[in-house]
Amino acid sequence: QVQLVESGGGLVQPGGSLRLSCAASGTIFQTYAMAWYRQAPGKQRELVARISHYDGTDYAGSVKGRFTISRDNAKNTVSLQMNLLKAADTAVYSCDAGVRERTTMRTDNCWGRGTQVAVCS
């Protein structure tokens, strides 16, 4: 069984920074693409940033230049450094990962429960 757990959310003023982390644990053989999504109240979930196993990255236009996604394959973690935060960044942030499970060798998409980020003065 595989679990993803996010951490690092909180309340920050506009212009501030936060770093989110997501750790995958359990019977992991390998992780593939990992990503951060967010969902604001009343809005659809949107992709924030994605990183491939070999560190290729994609960003939503609204966060490009402000957010940086990174990963540690040895630790099965993915992080999101968020700078110059705006009120529009307020949302629940969730991580997503393609994971091959060690005992069955099945690859599934796994989601964390999310962590709240609130940007307000």
N, C-alpha and C. Protein backbone atom coordinates (compact mmCIF):
# COMPACT_ATOMS: atom_id res chain seq x y z
N GLN A 1 0.85 -1.19 0.00
CA GLN A 1 0.00 0.00 0.00
C GLN A 1 0.89 1.24 0.00
N VAL A 2 0.45 2.26 -0.72
CA VAL A 2 1.23 3.48 -0.87
C VAL A 2 0.42 4.66 -0.34
N GLN A 3 1.11 5.54 0.38
CA GLN A 3 0.48 6.76 0.87
C GLN A 3 1.29 7.97 0.46
N LEU A 4 0.59 9.07 0.19
CA LEU A 4 1.23 10.35 -0.06
C LEU A 4 0.76 11.32 1.02
N VAL A 5 1.70 11.98 1.66
CA VAL A 5 1.37 12.91 2.73
C VAL A 5 2.04 14.25 2.46
N GLU A 6 1.20 15.29 2.40
CA GLU A 6 1.72 16.64 2.16
C GLU A 6 1.97 17.36 3.49
N SER A 7 2.86 18.33 3.44
CA SER A 7 3.13 19.18 4.59
C SER A 7 3.62 20.53 4.11
N GLY A 8 3.58 21.52 5.00
CA GLY A 8 4.16 22.82 4.70
C GLY A 8 3.17 23.91 4.39
N GLY A 9 1.88 23.60 4.36
CA GLY A 9 0.91 24.65 4.12
C GLY A 9 0.79 25.60 5.29
N GLY A 10 0.06 26.67 5.09
CA GLY A 10 -0.14 27.62 6.17
C GLY A 10 -0.66 28.94 5.67
N LEU A 11 -0.57 29.92 6.55
CA LEU A 11 -1.04 31.28 6.24
C LEU A 11 0.17 32.17 5.99
N VAL A 12 0.12 32.92 4.91
CA VAL A 12 1.24 33.78 4.56
C VAL A 12 0.69 35.08 3.96
N GLN A 13 1.45 36.15 4.11
CA GLN A 13 1.03 37.43 3.53
C GLN A 13 1.39 37.48 2.05
N PRO A 14 0.69 38.31 1.30
CA PRO A 14 1.05 38.48 -0.12
C PRO A 14 2.52 38.88 -0.26
N GLY A 15 3.17 38.26 -1.24
CA GLY A 15 4.59 38.50 -1.43
C GLY A 15 5.48 37.55 -0.66
N GLY A 16 4.89 36.76 0.22
CA GLY A 16 5.66 35.83 1.03
C GLY A 16 5.94 34.52 0.31
N SER A 17 6.56 33.60 1.03
CA SER A 17 6.96 32.32 0.47
C SER A 17 6.52 31.17 1.37
N LEU A 18 6.29 30.04 0.74
CA LEU A 18 6.04 28.78 1.45
C LEU A 18 6.69 27.67 0.65
N ARG A 19 7.04 26.62 1.37
CA ARG A 19 7.57 25.42 0.71
C ARG A 19 6.72 24.24 1.11
N LEU A 20 6.12 23.60 0.11
CA LEU A 20 5.32 22.41 0.34
C LEU A 20 6.16 21.17 0.06
N SER A 21 5.92 20.14 0.84
CA SER A 21 6.59 18.87 0.61
C SER A 21 5.57 17.75 0.58
N CYS A 22 5.88 16.71 -0.17
CA CYS A 22 5.01 15.55 -0.25
C CYS A 22 5.90 14.31 -0.24
N ALA A 23 5.60 13.42 0.67
CA ALA A 23 6.39 12.19 0.81
C ALA A 23 5.53 10.99 0.49
N ALA A 24 6.03 10.15 -0.40
CA ALA A 24 5.36 8.89 -0.71
C ALA A 24 6.00 7.80 0.13
N SER A 25 5.18 6.97 0.74
CA SER A 25 5.70 5.90 1.58
C SER A 25 4.91 4.62 1.34
N GLY A 26 5.49 3.51 1.77
CA GLY A 26 4.86 2.21 1.61
C GLY A 26 5.70 1.31 0.75
N THR A 27 5.04 0.36 0.11
CA THR A 27 5.76 -0.64 -0.69
C THR A 27 5.97 -0.12 -2.11
N ILE A 28 6.91 0.81 -2.23
CA ILE A 28 7.15 1.49 -3.50
C ILE A 28 8.29 0.83 -4.24
N PHE A 29 8.05 0.51 -5.50
CA PHE A 29 9.13 0.05 -6.37
C PHE A 29 9.75 1.26 -7.07
N GLN A 30 8.91 2.10 -7.62
CA GLN A 30 9.41 3.29 -8.31
C GLN A 30 8.30 4.33 -8.41
N THR A 31 8.69 5.60 -8.35
CA THR A 31 7.75 6.68 -8.63
C THR A 31 8.04 7.23 -10.02
N TYR A 32 7.01 7.66 -10.69
CA TYR A 32 7.14 8.23 -12.03
C TYR A 32 6.87 9.71 -11.95
N ALA A 33 6.05 10.25 -12.85
CA ALA A 33 5.77 11.68 -12.81
C ALA A 33 5.09 12.03 -11.48
N MET A 34 5.48 13.19 -10.94
CA MET A 34 4.87 13.69 -9.71
C MET A 34 4.39 15.10 -9.98
N ALA A 35 3.34 15.51 -9.30
CA ALA A 35 2.74 16.81 -9.63
C ALA A 35 2.08 17.41 -8.41
N TRP A 36 1.90 18.71 -8.48
CA TRP A 36 1.10 19.45 -7.50
C TRP A 36 -0.12 20.02 -8.22
N TYR A 37 -1.27 19.82 -7.61
CA TYR A 37 -2.52 20.38 -8.06
C TYR A 37 -3.05 21.29 -6.95
N ARG A 38 -3.97 22.16 -7.30
CA ARG A 38 -4.63 22.98 -6.28
C ARG A 38 -6.09 23.17 -6.65
N GLN A 39 -6.87 23.37 -5.60
CA GLN A 39 -8.29 23.62 -5.79
C GLN A 39 -8.73 24.72 -4.82
N ALA A 40 -9.19 25.80 -5.39
CA ALA A 40 -9.70 26.91 -4.60
C ALA A 40 -11.21 26.73 -4.41
N PRO A 41 -11.78 27.33 -3.39
CA PRO A 41 -13.23 27.18 -3.16
C PRO A 41 -14.04 27.60 -4.38
N GLY A 42 -14.94 26.74 -4.80
CA GLY A 42 -15.81 27.06 -5.92
C GLY A 42 -15.17 26.92 -7.28
N LYS A 43 -13.93 26.42 -7.32
CA LYS A 43 -13.23 26.30 -8.60
C LYS A 43 -12.82 24.85 -8.84
N GLN A 44 -12.52 24.56 -10.09
CA GLN A 44 -12.06 23.22 -10.43
C GLN A 44 -10.59 23.05 -10.04
N ARG A 45 -10.23 21.81 -9.80
CA ARG A 45 -8.83 21.52 -9.51
C ARG A 45 -7.99 21.80 -10.74
N GLU A 46 -6.83 22.41 -10.51
CA GLU A 46 -5.96 22.74 -11.65
C GLU A 46 -4.54 22.25 -11.38
N LEU A 47 -3.85 21.93 -12.45
CA LEU A 47 -2.46 21.52 -12.35
C LEU A 47 -1.61 22.75 -12.08
N VAL A 48 -0.76 22.67 -11.08
CA VAL A 48 0.15 23.77 -10.75
C VAL A 48 1.52 23.53 -11.39
N ALA A 49 2.06 22.34 -11.15
CA ALA A 49 3.39 22.02 -11.68
C ALA A 49 3.54 20.51 -11.71
N ARG A 50 4.37 20.04 -12.64
CA ARG A 50 4.58 18.61 -12.81
C ARG A 50 6.06 18.37 -13.07
N ILE A 51 6.56 17.26 -12.58
CA ILE A 51 7.97 16.93 -12.80
C ILE A 51 8.08 15.45 -13.15
N SER A 52 8.83 15.16 -14.19
CA SER A 52 9.02 13.78 -14.61
C SER A 52 10.06 13.11 -13.74
N HIS A 53 10.21 11.81 -13.93
CA HIS A 53 11.20 11.06 -13.14
C HIS A 53 12.61 11.60 -13.38
N TYR A 54 12.83 12.14 -14.60
CA TYR A 54 14.16 12.66 -14.95
C TYR A 54 14.22 14.18 -14.89
N ASP A 55 13.33 14.79 -14.09
CA ASP A 55 13.36 16.22 -13.75
C ASP A 55 12.89 17.16 -14.84
N GLY A 56 12.19 16.66 -15.85
CA GLY A 56 11.54 17.57 -16.78
C GLY A 56 10.36 18.21 -16.09
N THR A 57 10.17 19.52 -16.27
CA THR A 57 9.13 20.23 -15.53
C THR A 57 8.15 20.97 -16.44
N ASP A 58 6.94 21.12 -15.95
CA ASP A 58 5.91 21.95 -16.58
C ASP A 58 5.24 22.76 -15.50
N TYR A 59 4.84 23.98 -15.83
CA TYR A 59 4.18 24.86 -14.88
C TYR A 59 2.93 25.48 -15.49
N ALA A 60 1.95 25.73 -14.64
CA ALA A 60 0.83 26.55 -15.07
C ALA A 60 1.34 27.96 -15.33
N GLY A 61 0.75 28.61 -16.31
CA GLY A 61 1.20 29.95 -16.65
C GLY A 61 1.12 30.92 -15.49
N SER A 62 0.14 30.72 -14.62
CA SER A 62 -0.08 31.65 -13.52
C SER A 62 1.00 31.57 -12.44
N VAL A 63 1.79 30.49 -12.43
CA VAL A 63 2.80 30.35 -11.39
C VAL A 63 4.22 30.34 -11.95
N LYS A 64 4.34 30.34 -13.26
CA LYS A 64 5.67 30.26 -13.88
C LYS A 64 6.51 31.45 -13.44
N GLY A 65 7.73 31.17 -13.04
CA GLY A 65 8.62 32.22 -12.56
C GLY A 65 8.51 32.49 -11.08
N ARG A 66 7.47 31.98 -10.44
CA ARG A 66 7.29 32.17 -9.00
C ARG A 66 7.42 30.85 -8.22
N PHE A 67 6.97 29.77 -8.82
CA PHE A 67 6.99 28.46 -8.16
C PHE A 67 8.07 27.58 -8.79
N THR A 68 8.66 26.71 -7.99
CA THR A 68 9.65 25.75 -8.47
C THR A 68 9.36 24.38 -7.89
N ILE A 69 9.21 23.40 -8.77
CA ILE A 69 8.97 22.03 -8.34
C ILE A 69 10.29 21.27 -8.40
N SER A 70 10.49 20.39 -7.43
CA SER A 70 11.70 19.57 -7.42
C SER A 70 11.35 18.23 -6.79
N ARG A 71 12.25 17.26 -6.96
CA ARG A 71 11.98 15.94 -6.41
C ARG A 71 13.28 15.28 -5.97
N ASP A 72 13.13 14.31 -5.10
CA ASP A 72 14.24 13.49 -4.65
C ASP A 72 13.82 12.04 -4.86
N ASN A 73 14.33 11.42 -5.91
CA ASN A 73 13.89 10.07 -6.25
C ASN A 73 14.30 9.05 -5.18
N ALA A 74 15.42 9.28 -4.53
CA ALA A 74 15.88 8.34 -3.51
C ALA A 74 14.94 8.35 -2.30
N LYS A 75 14.33 9.50 -2.03
CA LYS A 75 13.44 9.63 -0.87
C LYS A 75 11.97 9.59 -1.26
N ASN A 76 11.68 9.51 -2.55
CA ASN A 76 10.29 9.52 -3.04
C ASN A 76 9.54 10.75 -2.54
N THR A 77 10.16 11.89 -2.68
CA THR A 77 9.52 13.14 -2.26
C THR A 77 9.46 14.13 -3.42
N VAL A 78 8.49 15.00 -3.35
CA VAL A 78 8.37 16.11 -4.29
C VAL A 78 8.07 17.36 -3.49
N SER A 79 8.68 18.47 -3.90
CA SER A 79 8.51 19.72 -3.18
C SER A 79 8.05 20.81 -4.13
N LEU A 80 7.45 21.83 -3.56
CA LEU A 80 7.02 22.99 -4.34
C LEU A 80 7.42 24.23 -3.57
N GLN A 81 8.39 24.95 -4.08
CA GLN A 81 8.80 26.23 -3.50
C GLN A 81 7.95 27.31 -4.13
N MET A 82 7.22 28.04 -3.29
CA MET A 82 6.29 29.05 -3.78
C MET A 82 6.75 30.41 -3.28
N ASN A 83 7.10 31.28 -4.21
CA ASN A 83 7.55 32.64 -3.88
C ASN A 83 6.58 33.66 -4.44
N LEU A 84 6.68 34.87 -3.93
CA LEU A 84 5.83 35.98 -4.41
C LEU A 84 4.36 35.57 -4.44
N LEU A 85 3.92 34.99 -3.35
CA LEU A 85 2.55 34.47 -3.29
C LEU A 85 1.54 35.59 -3.39
N LYS A 86 0.41 35.24 -4.03
CA LYS A 86 -0.69 36.18 -4.23
C LYS A 86 -1.95 35.60 -3.59
N ALA A 87 -2.92 36.46 -3.38
CA ALA A 87 -4.19 35.98 -2.83
C ALA A 87 -4.80 34.92 -3.74
N ALA A 88 -4.59 35.04 -5.03
CA ALA A 88 -5.15 34.08 -5.99
C ALA A 88 -4.52 32.69 -5.86
N ASP A 89 -3.43 32.58 -5.12
CA ASP A 89 -2.80 31.28 -4.90
C ASP A 89 -3.45 30.50 -3.75
N THR A 90 -4.37 31.14 -3.05
CA THR A 90 -5.06 30.48 -1.94
C THR A 90 -5.84 29.27 -2.44
N ALA A 91 -5.56 28.11 -1.86
CA ALA A 91 -6.20 26.87 -2.31
C ALA A 91 -5.73 25.72 -1.42
N VAL A 92 -6.35 24.58 -1.62
CA VAL A 92 -5.82 23.33 -1.05
C VAL A 92 -4.90 22.72 -2.11
N TYR A 93 -3.68 22.47 -1.72
CA TYR A 93 -2.67 21.92 -2.62
C TYR A 93 -2.50 20.43 -2.35
N SER A 94 -2.57 19.65 -3.42
CA SER A 94 -2.45 18.19 -3.28
C SER A 94 -1.35 17.69 -4.21
N CYS A 95 -0.66 16.67 -3.75
CA CYS A 95 0.34 16.07 -4.64
C CYS A 95 -0.21 14.78 -5.25
N ASP A 96 0.33 14.48 -6.39
CA ASP A 96 -0.10 13.34 -7.18
C ASP A 96 1.16 12.65 -7.70
N ALA A 97 1.13 11.33 -7.73
CA ALA A 97 2.31 10.62 -8.21
C ALA A 97 1.91 9.32 -8.88
N GLY A 98 2.59 9.00 -9.95
CA GLY A 98 2.49 7.68 -10.52
C GLY A 98 3.44 6.77 -9.76
N VAL A 99 2.92 5.69 -9.21
CA VAL A 99 3.73 4.83 -8.35
C VAL A 99 3.57 3.37 -8.76
N ARG A 100 4.70 2.70 -8.93
CA ARG A 100 4.66 1.25 -9.13
C ARG A 100 4.88 0.60 -7.77
N GLU A 101 3.92 -0.21 -7.38
CA GLU A 101 3.94 -0.85 -6.08
C GLU A 101 4.79 -2.10 -6.15
N ARG A 102 5.57 -2.34 -5.09
CA ARG A 102 6.62 -3.35 -5.13
C ARG A 102 6.09 -4.79 -5.13
N THR A 103 5.01 -5.08 -4.44
CA THR A 103 4.58 -6.48 -4.32
C THR A 103 3.76 -6.94 -5.52
N THR A 104 2.97 -6.04 -6.09
CA THR A 104 2.14 -6.41 -7.24
C THR A 104 2.74 -5.96 -8.56
N MET A 105 3.68 -4.99 -8.49
CA MET A 105 4.28 -4.37 -9.67
C MET A 105 3.24 -3.64 -10.52
N ARG A 106 2.13 -3.30 -9.92
CA ARG A 106 1.13 -2.47 -10.60
C ARG A 106 1.50 -1.02 -10.46
N THR A 107 1.17 -0.25 -11.49
CA THR A 107 1.39 1.20 -11.45
C THR A 107 0.04 1.88 -11.33
N ASP A 108 -0.12 2.70 -10.34
CA ASP A 108 -1.36 3.43 -10.12
C ASP A 108 -1.05 4.89 -9.86
N ASN A 109 -2.08 5.69 -9.98
CA ASN A 109 -1.97 7.11 -9.64
C ASN A 109 -2.40 7.29 -8.20
N CYS A 110 -1.57 7.94 -7.42
CA CYS A 110 -1.87 8.13 -6.00
C CYS A 110 -2.01 9.61 -5.69
N TRP A 111 -2.91 9.92 -4.76
CA TRP A 111 -3.17 11.29 -4.36
C TRP A 111 -2.97 11.44 -2.86
N GLY A 112 -2.48 12.61 -2.46
CA GLY A 112 -2.46 12.95 -1.06
C GLY A 112 -3.75 13.65 -0.68
N ARG A 113 -3.94 13.90 0.62
CA ARG A 113 -5.17 14.54 1.08
C ARG A 113 -5.15 16.04 0.91
N GLY A 114 -3.99 16.61 0.79
CA GLY A 114 -3.90 18.04 0.56
C GLY A 114 -3.47 18.82 1.78
N THR A 115 -2.98 20.02 1.52
CA THR A 115 -2.59 20.94 2.58
C THR A 115 -3.07 22.33 2.19
N GLN A 116 -3.59 23.05 3.16
CA GLN A 116 -4.19 24.35 2.88
C GLN A 116 -3.12 25.44 2.82
N VAL A 117 -3.23 26.26 1.78
CA VAL A 117 -2.39 27.46 1.66
C VAL A 117 -3.34 28.66 1.60
N ALA A 118 -3.14 29.59 2.50
CA ALA A 118 -3.96 30.80 2.53
C ALA A 118 -3.04 32.01 2.44
N VAL A 119 -3.30 32.87 1.46
CA VAL A 119 -2.49 34.06 1.26
C VAL A 119 -3.38 35.27 1.50
N CYS A 120 -3.13 35.97 2.58
CA CYS A 120 -3.95 37.14 2.88
C CYS A 120 -3.18 38.07 3.81
N SER A 121 -3.54 39.33 3.74
CA SER A 121 -2.83 40.33 4.56
C SER A 121 -3.52 40.49 5.90
